[in-house]
Each structure stands twice: as C-alpha cells, then as structure tokens.
Amino acid sequence: MLIVANASRLLPSHVLSALAAMAKSKPANDEPPKPNLKESRGKLILETYRRCEGNVVHTAKELAVSRNTVYRELRRSGLR
C-alpha cells in the first residue's frame, strides 16, 4: 500500500482517510466460494459414473481409483 499526502508530513489522518477510501473502493466479496478438492473429486466421480452408465467398475478403471472410492462417493451424494 502506498499513501501519498499533499502535505510536507504524513499524518495519521492521512492514513485513516486512505484506509477509508480503500475500504469503500473494494468490491463486496460476491464471488462464489472456490470448490475444494473433495468437492471437485466428487463431481468428477459422479460425472464419470453417469458417463459410464452407472457401471462402478468402468468408472473406477477410467479414473484409476478403487471401486470403494466410487462407492463411497455415491453414498456421500445419496445415489447409493
């Protein structure tokens, strides 16, 4: 952060006004939360499971994971 003042000295009031201006200029955090690894992995498993027409063995082989991993994600998502 760089604060520039028109006076010969930088006063606390300059810092406070600069911080207030920064607070007003920052947009609200309206961004959706970034997905975490667990959510991303779950989505990938479910998409692959659907693409494999519900075949757990094919899903596991395509993703190079165990069948238990696929079953665990299916239970977590409520599909099984």
N, C-alpha and C. Protein backbone atom coordinates (compact mmCIF):
# COMPACT_ATOMS: atom_id res chain seq x y z
N MET A 1 0.86 -1.16 0.00
CA MET A 1 0.00 0.00 0.00
C MET A 1 0.91 1.23 0.00
N LEU A 2 0.57 2.20 -0.82
CA LEU A 2 1.32 3.44 -0.91
C LEU A 2 0.37 4.58 -0.61
N ILE A 3 0.74 5.41 0.35
CA ILE A 3 -0.09 6.56 0.72
C ILE A 3 0.71 7.81 0.38
N VAL A 4 0.09 8.69 -0.40
CA VAL A 4 0.73 9.93 -0.79
C VAL A 4 -0.06 11.08 -0.18
N ALA A 5 0.65 12.00 0.43
CA ALA A 5 0.00 13.16 1.04
C ALA A 5 0.49 14.43 0.36
N ASN A 6 -0.37 15.41 0.29
CA ASN A 6 0.00 16.70 -0.30
C ASN A 6 0.73 17.60 0.69
N ALA A 7 0.83 17.19 1.92
CA ALA A 7 1.49 17.97 2.95
C ALA A 7 2.95 17.57 3.03
N SER A 8 3.72 18.33 3.79
CA SER A 8 5.14 18.04 3.94
C SER A 8 5.38 16.84 4.86
N ARG A 9 4.38 16.50 5.68
CA ARG A 9 4.48 15.35 6.58
C ARG A 9 3.27 14.46 6.41
N LEU A 10 3.49 13.19 6.62
CA LEU A 10 2.40 12.22 6.60
C LEU A 10 1.83 12.12 8.00
N LEU A 11 0.57 12.46 8.14
CA LEU A 11 -0.09 12.46 9.44
C LEU A 11 -1.02 11.25 9.57
N PRO A 12 -1.35 10.87 10.80
CA PRO A 12 -2.29 9.75 10.99
C PRO A 12 -3.62 9.96 10.27
N SER A 13 -4.06 11.18 10.16
CA SER A 13 -5.32 11.43 9.46
C SER A 13 -5.22 11.07 7.98
N HIS A 14 -4.03 11.23 7.39
CA HIS A 14 -3.84 10.82 6.00
C HIS A 14 -4.01 9.31 5.85
N VAL A 15 -3.43 8.58 6.80
CA VAL A 15 -3.52 7.12 6.76
C VAL A 15 -4.97 6.69 6.94
N LEU A 16 -5.65 7.28 7.90
CA LEU A 16 -7.05 6.92 8.14
C LEU A 16 -7.93 7.20 6.92
N SER A 17 -7.73 8.36 6.30
CA SER A 17 -8.55 8.67 5.13
C SER A 17 -8.21 7.74 3.96
N ALA A 18 -6.93 7.37 3.83
CA ALA A 18 -6.55 6.43 2.76
C ALA A 18 -7.17 5.06 3.00
N LEU A 19 -7.15 4.60 4.23
CA LEU A 19 -7.76 3.30 4.56
C LEU A 19 -9.27 3.33 4.34
N ALA A 20 -9.90 4.42 4.70
CA ALA A 20 -11.35 4.55 4.49
C ALA A 20 -11.67 4.52 3.00
N ALA A 21 -10.86 5.20 2.20
CA ALA A 21 -11.08 5.20 0.75
C ALA A 21 -10.89 3.81 0.17
N MET A 22 -9.90 3.08 0.67
CA MET A 22 -9.68 1.71 0.18
C MET A 22 -10.85 0.80 0.55
N ALA A 23 -11.37 0.98 1.75
CA ALA A 23 -12.49 0.15 2.19
C ALA A 23 -13.72 0.40 1.33
N LYS A 24 -13.93 1.63 0.93
CA LYS A 24 -15.08 1.96 0.10
C LYS A 24 -14.90 1.47 -1.33
N SER A 25 -13.66 1.48 -1.81
CA SER A 25 -13.42 1.13 -3.21
C SER A 25 -13.38 -0.37 -3.45
N LYS A 26 -13.15 -1.15 -2.40
CA LYS A 26 -13.09 -2.60 -2.59
C LYS A 26 -14.50 -3.13 -2.85
N PRO A 27 -14.65 -3.94 -3.90
CA PRO A 27 -15.96 -4.52 -4.15
C PRO A 27 -16.30 -5.57 -3.09
N ALA A 28 -17.57 -5.75 -2.88
CA ALA A 28 -18.00 -6.76 -1.92
C ALA A 28 -17.59 -8.13 -2.45
N ASN A 29 -17.33 -9.02 -1.56
CA ASN A 29 -16.90 -10.36 -1.96
C ASN A 29 -18.12 -11.17 -2.40
N ASP A 30 -18.57 -10.90 -3.63
CA ASP A 30 -19.74 -11.59 -4.17
C ASP A 30 -19.35 -12.81 -4.99
N GLU A 31 -18.07 -13.14 -5.01
CA GLU A 31 -17.62 -14.30 -5.77
C GLU A 31 -18.10 -15.57 -5.07
N PRO A 32 -18.52 -16.54 -5.85
CA PRO A 32 -18.89 -17.81 -5.23
C PRO A 32 -17.65 -18.46 -4.64
N PRO A 33 -17.81 -19.23 -3.59
CA PRO A 33 -16.65 -19.87 -2.99
C PRO A 33 -15.99 -20.84 -3.98
N LYS A 34 -14.68 -20.90 -3.93
CA LYS A 34 -13.96 -21.79 -4.83
C LYS A 34 -14.15 -23.22 -4.34
N PRO A 35 -14.38 -24.14 -5.26
CA PRO A 35 -14.58 -25.52 -4.83
C PRO A 35 -13.30 -26.09 -4.24
N ASN A 36 -13.45 -26.92 -3.25
CA ASN A 36 -12.28 -27.55 -2.67
C ASN A 36 -12.00 -28.87 -3.37
N LEU A 37 -10.92 -29.49 -3.04
CA LEU A 37 -10.50 -30.72 -3.70
C LEU A 37 -11.53 -31.83 -3.55
N LYS A 38 -12.11 -31.95 -2.37
CA LYS A 38 -13.08 -33.02 -2.12
C LYS A 38 -14.31 -32.84 -3.01
N GLU A 39 -14.79 -31.60 -3.14
CA GLU A 39 -15.95 -31.34 -4.00
C GLU A 39 -15.62 -31.61 -5.46
N SER A 40 -14.46 -31.17 -5.90
CA SER A 40 -14.05 -31.37 -7.29
C SER A 40 -13.92 -32.85 -7.61
N ARG A 41 -13.30 -33.59 -6.70
CA ARG A 41 -13.15 -35.03 -6.91
C ARG A 41 -14.51 -35.71 -6.97
N GLY A 42 -15.41 -35.30 -6.08
CA GLY A 42 -16.75 -35.88 -6.08
C GLY A 42 -17.50 -35.62 -7.37
N LYS A 43 -17.41 -34.39 -7.88
CA LYS A 43 -18.07 -34.07 -9.14
C LYS A 43 -17.51 -34.90 -10.28
N LEU A 44 -16.19 -35.06 -10.31
CA LEU A 44 -15.56 -35.83 -11.37
C LEU A 44 -16.01 -37.29 -11.31
N ILE A 45 -16.06 -37.85 -10.12
CA ILE A 45 -16.50 -39.24 -9.98
C ILE A 45 -17.95 -39.39 -10.43
N LEU A 46 -18.82 -38.47 -10.02
CA LEU A 46 -20.23 -38.58 -10.41
C LEU A 46 -20.43 -38.39 -11.92
N GLU A 47 -19.70 -37.46 -12.51
CA GLU A 47 -19.81 -37.26 -13.96
C GLU A 47 -19.35 -38.50 -14.72
N THR A 48 -18.26 -39.07 -14.27
CA THR A 48 -17.74 -40.28 -14.91
C THR A 48 -18.69 -41.44 -14.70
N TYR A 49 -19.25 -41.56 -13.52
CA TYR A 49 -20.22 -42.62 -13.21
C TYR A 49 -21.42 -42.54 -14.15
N ARG A 50 -21.91 -41.33 -14.37
CA ARG A 50 -23.05 -41.15 -15.29
C ARG A 50 -22.65 -41.47 -16.73
N ARG A 51 -21.44 -41.03 -17.10
CA ARG A 51 -20.97 -41.29 -18.47
C ARG A 51 -20.77 -42.80 -18.69
N CYS A 52 -20.40 -43.51 -17.63
CA CYS A 52 -20.22 -44.97 -17.71
C CYS A 52 -21.54 -45.70 -17.46
N GLU A 53 -22.63 -44.97 -17.52
CA GLU A 53 -23.99 -45.51 -17.38
C GLU A 53 -24.17 -46.32 -16.10
N GLY A 54 -23.59 -45.81 -15.02
CA GLY A 54 -23.79 -46.44 -13.72
C GLY A 54 -22.92 -47.65 -13.45
N ASN A 55 -21.93 -47.89 -14.26
CA ASN A 55 -21.06 -49.03 -14.06
C ASN A 55 -19.89 -48.62 -13.17
N VAL A 56 -19.89 -49.15 -11.96
CA VAL A 56 -18.87 -48.78 -10.96
C VAL A 56 -17.48 -49.25 -11.39
N VAL A 57 -17.38 -50.45 -11.93
CA VAL A 57 -16.08 -51.00 -12.33
C VAL A 57 -15.46 -50.13 -13.43
N HIS A 58 -16.25 -49.78 -14.44
CA HIS A 58 -15.74 -48.94 -15.52
C HIS A 58 -15.35 -47.55 -15.01
N THR A 59 -16.17 -47.01 -14.12
CA THR A 59 -15.88 -45.70 -13.53
C THR A 59 -14.54 -45.74 -12.80
N ALA A 60 -14.35 -46.76 -11.97
CA ALA A 60 -13.11 -46.87 -11.20
C ALA A 60 -11.90 -47.04 -12.11
N LYS A 61 -12.04 -47.85 -13.16
CA LYS A 61 -10.91 -48.06 -14.08
C LYS A 61 -10.59 -46.78 -14.84
N GLU A 62 -11.60 -46.07 -15.28
CA GLU A 62 -11.37 -44.85 -16.05
C GLU A 62 -10.66 -43.78 -15.20
N LEU A 63 -11.00 -43.73 -13.93
CA LEU A 63 -10.41 -42.73 -13.05
C LEU A 63 -9.18 -43.23 -12.30
N ALA A 64 -8.86 -44.50 -12.46
CA ALA A 64 -7.73 -45.13 -11.77
C ALA A 64 -7.87 -44.99 -10.26
N VAL A 65 -9.06 -45.27 -9.77
CA VAL A 65 -9.33 -45.29 -8.33
C VAL A 65 -9.95 -46.64 -8.00
N SER A 66 -10.07 -46.92 -6.73
CA SER A 66 -10.68 -48.19 -6.33
C SER A 66 -12.20 -48.11 -6.44
N ARG A 67 -12.82 -49.28 -6.53
CA ARG A 67 -14.29 -49.32 -6.54
C ARG A 67 -14.83 -48.76 -5.23
N ASN A 68 -14.11 -49.01 -4.13
CA ASN A 68 -14.56 -48.47 -2.84
C ASN A 68 -14.63 -46.95 -2.86
N THR A 69 -13.70 -46.30 -3.54
CA THR A 69 -13.73 -44.84 -3.65
C THR A 69 -14.98 -44.39 -4.39
N VAL A 70 -15.32 -45.09 -5.45
CA VAL A 70 -16.53 -44.74 -6.21
C VAL A 70 -17.76 -44.98 -5.34
N TYR A 71 -17.84 -46.14 -4.68
CA TYR A 71 -18.98 -46.42 -3.82
C TYR A 71 -19.10 -45.39 -2.70
N ARG A 72 -17.98 -45.00 -2.10
CA ARG A 72 -18.00 -44.01 -1.02
C ARG A 72 -18.59 -42.69 -1.52
N GLU A 73 -18.18 -42.27 -2.70
CA GLU A 73 -18.70 -41.00 -3.24
C GLU A 73 -20.18 -41.12 -3.59
N LEU A 74 -20.59 -42.27 -4.09
CA LEU A 74 -22.01 -42.48 -4.40
C LEU A 74 -22.86 -42.42 -3.12
N ARG A 75 -22.35 -43.02 -2.04
CA ARG A 75 -23.07 -42.95 -0.77
C ARG A 75 -23.12 -41.52 -0.26
N ARG A 76 -22.02 -40.81 -0.37
CA ARG A 76 -21.95 -39.43 0.10
C ARG A 76 -22.93 -38.54 -0.65
N SER A 77 -23.10 -38.81 -1.93
CA SER A 77 -24.00 -37.97 -2.74
C SER A 77 -25.45 -38.46 -2.68
N GLY A 78 -25.68 -39.62 -2.05
CA GLY A 78 -27.03 -40.14 -1.91
C GLY A 78 -27.52 -40.96 -3.07
N LEU A 79 -26.63 -41.34 -3.97
CA LEU A 79 -27.04 -42.17 -5.11
C LEU A 79 -27.12 -43.65 -4.78
N ARG A 80 -26.44 -44.08 -3.72
CA ARG A 80 -26.47 -45.48 -3.31
C ARG A 80 -26.53 -45.58 -1.83
